[in-house]
Amino acid sequence: MERLAAERHMPEVWLEVRLSLPSNIQFYERLGYHVLQECRYPDDTDGWYIMGKSMLVR
């Protein structure tokens, strides 16, 4: 996904990660993603983060 975004000169990549899978959240944080928004299911049984990573060279 990141390779394709870089090839297409996209400035950012977004993904969604369930809150009930904290190891997945940590994995994406180690790859440079940060939380953009928290969302919840209507019955509040779980939720997810929308996470993003800048593809711009710093």
PDB file of N, CA and C in Angstrom:
ATOM      1  N   MET A   1       0.816  -1.165   0.000  1.00  0.00           N
ATOM      2  CA  MET A   1       0.000   0.000   0.000  1.00  0.00           C
ATOM      3  C   MET A   1       0.877   1.252   0.000  1.00  0.00           C
ATOM      4  N   GLU A   2       1.889   1.264   0.863  1.00  0.00           N
ATOM      5  CA  GLU A   2       2.769   2.429   0.920  1.00  0.00           C
ATOM      6  C   GLU A   2       3.546   2.609  -0.375  1.00  0.00           C
ATOM      7  N   ARG A   3       4.007   1.523  -0.957  1.00  0.00           N
ATOM      8  CA  ARG A   3       4.740   1.603  -2.221  1.00  0.00           C
ATOM      9  C   ARG A   3       3.862   2.193  -3.313  1.00  0.00           C
ATOM     10  N   LEU A   4       2.638   1.717  -3.403  1.00  0.00           N
ATOM     11  CA  LEU A   4       1.710   2.216  -4.404  1.00  0.00           C
ATOM     12  C   LEU A   4       1.421   3.704  -4.185  1.00  0.00           C
ATOM     13  N   ALA A   5       1.231   4.099  -2.935  1.00  0.00           N
ATOM     14  CA  ALA A   5       0.984   5.516  -2.628  1.00  0.00           C
ATOM     15  C   ALA A   5       2.180   6.374  -3.032  1.00  0.00           C
ATOM     16  N   ALA A   6       3.388   5.897  -2.753  1.00  0.00           N
ATOM     17  CA  ALA A   6       4.592   6.649  -3.128  1.00  0.00           C
ATOM     18  C   ALA A   6       4.718   6.761  -4.646  1.00  0.00           C
ATOM     19  N   GLU A   7       4.444   5.655  -5.349  1.00  0.00           N
ATOM     20  CA  GLU A   7       4.515   5.679  -6.812  1.00  0.00           C
ATOM     21  C   GLU A   7       3.521   6.663  -7.415  1.00  0.00           C
ATOM     22  N   ARG A   8       2.398   6.842  -6.743  1.00  0.00           N
ATOM     23  CA  ARG A   8       1.349   7.745  -7.244  1.00  0.00           C
ATOM     24  C   ARG A   8       1.445   9.147  -6.627  1.00  0.00           C
ATOM     25  N   HIS A   9       2.518   9.382  -5.888  1.00  0.00           N
ATOM     26  CA  HIS A   9       2.788  10.691  -5.281  1.00  0.00           C
ATOM     27  C   HIS A   9       1.654  11.148  -4.367  1.00  0.00           C
ATOM     28  N   MET A  10       1.085  10.201  -3.632  1.00  0.00           N
ATOM     29  CA  MET A  10       0.025  10.523  -2.682  1.00  0.00           C
ATOM     30  C   MET A  10       0.672  11.047  -1.401  1.00  0.00           C
ATOM     31  N   PRO A  11       0.125  12.094  -0.797  1.00  0.00           N
ATOM     32  CA  PRO A  11       0.762  12.699   0.363  1.00  0.00           C
ATOM     33  C   PRO A  11       0.589  11.915   1.659  1.00  0.00           C
ATOM     34  N   GLU A  12      -0.433  11.044   1.743  1.00  0.00           N
ATOM     35  CA  GLU A  12      -0.703  10.352   2.994  1.00  0.00           C
ATOM     36  C   GLU A  12      -1.425   9.044   2.724  1.00  0.00           C
ATOM     37  N   VAL A  13      -1.220   8.073   3.628  1.00  0.00           N
ATOM     38  CA  VAL A  13      -1.910   6.788   3.581  1.00  0.00           C
ATOM     39  C   VAL A  13      -2.741   6.679   4.855  1.00  0.00           C
ATOM     40  N   TRP A  14      -3.975   6.217   4.721  1.00  0.00           N
ATOM     41  CA  TRP A  14      -4.854   5.984   5.871  1.00  0.00           C
ATOM     42  C   TRP A  14      -5.225   4.520   5.941  1.00  0.00           C
ATOM     43  N   LEU A  15      -5.468   4.042   7.167  1.00  0.00           N
ATOM     44  CA  LEU A  15      -5.963   2.693   7.383  1.00  0.00           C
ATOM     45  C   LEU A  15      -6.818   2.692   8.638  1.00  0.00           C
ATOM     46  N   GLU A  16      -7.539   1.611   8.853  1.00  0.00           N
ATOM     47  CA  GLU A  16      -8.378   1.470  10.033  1.00  0.00           C
ATOM     48  C   GLU A  16      -7.923   0.264  10.827  1.00  0.00           C
ATOM     49  N   VAL A  17      -7.898   0.412  12.176  1.00  0.00           N
ATOM     50  CA  VAL A  17      -7.439  -0.652  13.065  1.00  0.00           C
ATOM     51  C   VAL A  17      -8.421  -0.765  14.229  1.00  0.00           C
ATOM     52  N   ARG A  18      -8.884  -1.973  14.502  1.00  0.00           N
ATOM     53  CA  ARG A  18      -9.830  -2.189  15.602  1.00  0.00           C
ATOM     54  C   ARG A  18      -9.169  -1.914  16.947  1.00  0.00           C
ATOM     55  N   LEU A  19      -9.913  -1.273  17.847  1.00  0.00           N
ATOM     56  CA  LEU A  19      -9.407  -0.977  19.189  1.00  0.00           C
ATOM     57  C   LEU A  19      -9.180  -2.246  20.000  1.00  0.00           C
ATOM     58  N   SER A  20      -9.907  -3.307  19.704  1.00  0.00           N
ATOM     59  CA  SER A  20      -9.766  -4.563  20.440  1.00  0.00           C
ATOM     60  C   SER A  20      -8.506  -5.332  20.045  1.00  0.00           C
ATOM     61  N   LEU A  21      -7.705  -4.775  19.130  1.00  0.00           N
ATOM     62  CA  LEU A  21      -6.453  -5.410  18.708  1.00  0.00           C
ATOM     63  C   LEU A  21      -5.280  -4.462  18.968  1.00  0.00           C
ATOM     64  N   PRO A  22      -4.960  -4.227  20.251  1.00  0.00           N
ATOM     65  CA  PRO A  22      -3.924  -3.240  20.573  1.00  0.00           C
ATOM     66  C   PRO A  22      -2.547  -3.557  19.986  1.00  0.00           C
ATOM     67  N   SER A  23      -2.238  -4.826  19.786  1.00  0.00           N
ATOM     68  CA  SER A  23      -0.938  -5.156  19.189  1.00  0.00           C
ATOM     69  C   SER A  23      -0.875  -4.670  17.738  1.00  0.00           C
ATOM     70  N   ASN A  24      -2.007  -4.673  17.041  1.00  0.00           N
ATOM     71  CA  ASN A  24      -2.022  -4.143  15.675  1.00  0.00           C
ATOM     72  C   ASN A  24      -1.834  -2.635  15.676  1.00  0.00           C
ATOM     73  N   ILE A  25      -2.444  -1.952  16.648  1.00  0.00           N
ATOM     74  CA  ILE A  25      -2.274  -0.507  16.770  1.00  0.00           C
ATOM     75  C   ILE A  25      -0.805  -0.181  17.003  1.00  0.00           C
ATOM     76  N   GLN A  26      -0.169  -0.899  17.915  1.00  0.00           N
ATOM     77  CA  GLN A  26       1.253  -0.687  18.209  1.00  0.00           C
ATOM     78  C   GLN A  26       2.115  -0.971  16.985  1.00  0.00           C
ATOM     79  N   PHE A  27       1.780  -1.996  16.230  1.00  0.00           N
ATOM     80  CA  PHE A  27       2.517  -2.336  15.019  1.00  0.00           C
ATOM     81  C   PHE A  27       2.525  -1.155  14.053  1.00  0.00           C
ATOM     82  N   TYR A  28       1.340  -0.588  13.784  1.00  0.00           N
ATOM     83  CA  TYR A  28       1.260   0.527  12.845  1.00  0.00           C
ATOM     84  C   TYR A  28       1.906   1.797  13.401  1.00  0.00           C
ATOM     85  N   GLU A  29       1.837   2.001  14.715  1.00  0.00           N
ATOM     86  CA  GLU A  29       2.543   3.142  15.309  1.00  0.00           C
ATOM     87  C   GLU A  29       4.047   3.015  15.083  1.00  0.00           C
ATOM     88  N   ARG A  30       4.586   1.807  15.223  1.00  0.00           N
ATOM     89  CA  ARG A  30       6.025   1.593  14.972  1.00  0.00           C
ATOM     90  C   ARG A  30       6.387   1.869  13.516  1.00  0.00           C
ATOM     91  N   LEU A  31       5.437   1.698  12.611  1.00  0.00           N
ATOM     92  CA  LEU A  31       5.673   1.977  11.196  1.00  0.00           C
ATOM     93  C   LEU A  31       5.485   3.455  10.857  1.00  0.00           C
ATOM     94  N   GLY A  32       5.137   4.266  11.859  1.00  0.00           N
ATOM     95  CA  GLY A  32       5.023   5.700  11.641  1.00  0.00           C
ATOM     96  C   GLY A  32       3.609   6.229  11.483  1.00  0.00           C
ATOM     97  N   TYR A  33       2.605   5.388  11.703  1.00  0.00           N
ATOM     98  CA  TYR A  33       1.216   5.839  11.614  1.00  0.00           C
ATOM     99  C   TYR A  33       0.806   6.516  12.914  1.00  0.00           C
ATOM    100  N   HIS A  34      -0.125   7.452  12.832  1.00  0.00           N
ATOM    101  CA  HIS A  34      -0.646   8.135  14.012  1.00  0.00           C
ATOM    102  C   HIS A  34      -2.173   8.162  13.929  1.00  0.00           C
ATOM    103  N   VAL A  35      -2.810   8.266  15.089  1.00  0.00           N
ATOM    104  CA  VAL A  35      -4.269   8.251  15.159  1.00  0.00           C
ATOM    105  C   VAL A  35      -4.821   9.571  14.636  1.00  0.00           C
ATOM    106  N   LEU A  36      -5.750   9.478  13.698  1.00  0.00           N
ATOM    107  CA  LEU A  36      -6.441  10.651  13.162  1.00  0.00           C
ATOM    108  C   LEU A  36      -7.820  10.810  13.789  1.00  0.00           C
ATOM    109  N   GLN A  37      -8.475   9.673  14.060  1.00  0.00           N
ATOM    110  CA  GLN A  37      -9.837   9.731  14.582  1.00  0.00           C
ATOM    111  C   GLN A  37     -10.172   8.409  15.260  1.00  0.00           C
ATOM    112  N   GLU A  38     -10.980   8.473  16.316  1.00  0.00           N
ATOM    113  CA  GLU A  38     -11.507   7.273  16.957  1.00  0.00           C
ATOM    114  C   GLU A  38     -12.977   7.148  16.622  1.00  0.00           C
ATOM    115  N   CYS A  39     -13.407   5.956  16.239  1.00  0.00           N
ATOM    116  CA  CYS A  39     -14.800   5.684  15.897  1.00  0.00           C
ATOM    117  C   CYS A  39     -15.294   4.546  16.786  1.00  0.00           C
ATOM    118  N   ARG A  40     -16.604   4.524  17.051  1.00  0.00           N
ATOM    119  CA  ARG A  40     -17.194   3.484  17.897  1.00  0.00           C
ATOM    120  C   ARG A  40     -18.372   2.841  17.177  1.00  0.00           C
ATOM    121  N   TYR A  41     -18.588   1.550  17.461  1.00  0.00           N
ATOM    122  CA  TYR A  41     -19.789   0.880  16.964  1.00  0.00           C
ATOM    123  C   TYR A  41     -20.994   1.432  17.719  1.00  0.00           C
ATOM    124  N   PRO A  42     -22.170   1.444  17.094  1.00  0.00           N
ATOM    125  CA  PRO A  42     -23.359   1.998  17.756  1.00  0.00           C
ATOM    126  C   PRO A  42     -23.663   1.352  19.115  1.00  0.00           C
ATOM    127  N   ASP A  43     -23.407   0.059  19.248  1.00  0.00           N
ATOM    128  CA  ASP A  43     -23.680  -0.612  20.529  1.00  0.00           C
ATOM    129  C   ASP A  43     -22.507  -0.499  21.502  1.00  0.00           C
ATOM    130  N   ASP A  44     -21.453   0.219  21.105  1.00  0.00           N
ATOM    131  CA  ASP A  44     -20.277   0.501  21.933  1.00  0.00           C
ATOM    132  C   ASP A  44     -19.537  -0.766  22.382  1.00  0.00           C
ATOM    133  N   THR A  45     -19.624  -1.843  21.592  1.00  0.00           N
ATOM    134  CA  THR A  45     -18.913  -3.073  21.930  1.00  0.00           C
ATOM    135  C   THR A  45     -17.456  -3.034  21.498  1.00  0.00           C
ATOM    136  N   ASP A  46     -17.134  -2.184  20.564  1.00  0.00           N
ATOM    137  CA  ASP A  46     -15.759  -2.066  20.061  1.00  0.00           C
ATOM    138  C   ASP A  46     -15.693  -0.778  19.249  1.00  0.00           C
ATOM    139  N   GLY A  47     -14.567  -0.539  18.683  1.00  0.00           N
ATOM    140  CA  GLY A  47     -14.389   0.631  17.842  1.00  0.00           C
ATOM    141  C   GLY A  47     -13.137   0.459  17.010  1.00  0.00           C
ATOM    142  N   TRP A  48     -12.717   1.539  16.397  1.00  0.00           N
ATOM    143  CA  TRP A  48     -11.526   1.478  15.570  1.00  0.00           C
ATOM    144  C   TRP A  48     -10.895   2.853  15.477  1.00  0.00           C
ATOM    145  N   TYR A  49      -9.622   2.854  15.183  1.00  0.00           N
ATOM    146  CA  TYR A  49      -8.898   4.078  14.896  1.00  0.00           C
ATOM    147  C   TYR A  49      -8.757   4.213  13.386  1.00  0.00           C
ATOM    148  N   ILE A  50      -8.899   5.419  12.890  1.00  0.00           N
ATOM    149  CA  ILE A  50      -8.432   5.749  11.558  1.00  0.00           C
ATOM    150  C   ILE A  50      -7.045   6.307  11.774  1.00  0.00           C
ATOM    151  N   MET A  51      -6.054   5.657  11.171  1.00  0.00           N
ATOM    152  CA  MET A  51      -4.656   6.047  11.362  1.00  0.00           C
ATOM    153  C   MET A  51      -4.072   6.507  10.028  1.00  0.00           C
ATOM    154  N   GLY A  52      -3.129   7.418  10.078  1.00  0.00           N
ATOM    155  CA  GLY A  52      -2.523   7.936   8.865  1.00  0.00           C
ATOM    156  C   GLY A  52      -1.011   8.029   8.980  1.00  0.00           C
ATOM    157  N   LYS A  53      -0.376   8.046   7.822  1.00  0.00           N
ATOM    158  CA  LYS A  53       1.068   8.182   7.745  1.00  0.00           C
ATOM    159  C   LYS A  53       1.401   9.088   6.561  1.00  0.00           C
ATOM    160  N   SER A  54       2.221  10.070   6.813  1.00  0.00           N
ATOM    161  CA  SER A  54       2.659  10.974   5.745  1.00  0.00           C
ATOM    162  C   SER A  54       3.605  10.245   4.820  1.00  0.00           C
ATOM    163  N   MET A  55       3.418  10.437   3.524  1.00  0.00           N
ATOM    164  CA  MET A  55       4.297   9.833   2.533  1.00  0.00           C
ATOM    165  C   MET A  55       5.291  10.860   1.990  1.00  0.00           C
ATOM    166  N   LEU A  56       5.242  12.069   2.524  1.00  0.00           N
ATOM    167  CA  LEU A  56       6.151  13.129   2.079  1.00  0.00           C
ATOM    168  C   LEU A  56       7.511  12.931   2.715  1.00  0.00           C
ATOM    169  N   VAL A  57       8.557  13.106   1.948  1.00  0.00           N
ATOM    170  CA  VAL A  57       9.923  12.973   2.456  1.00  0.00           C
ATOM    171  C   VAL A  57      10.228  14.196   3.302  1.00  0.00           C
ATOM    172  N   ARG A  58      10.772  13.966   4.485  1.00  0.00           N
ATOM    173  CA  ARG A  58      11.082  15.076   5.388  1.00  0.00           C
ATOM    174  C   ARG A  58      12.534  15.400   5.372  1.00  0.00           C
TER     175      ARG A  58
END
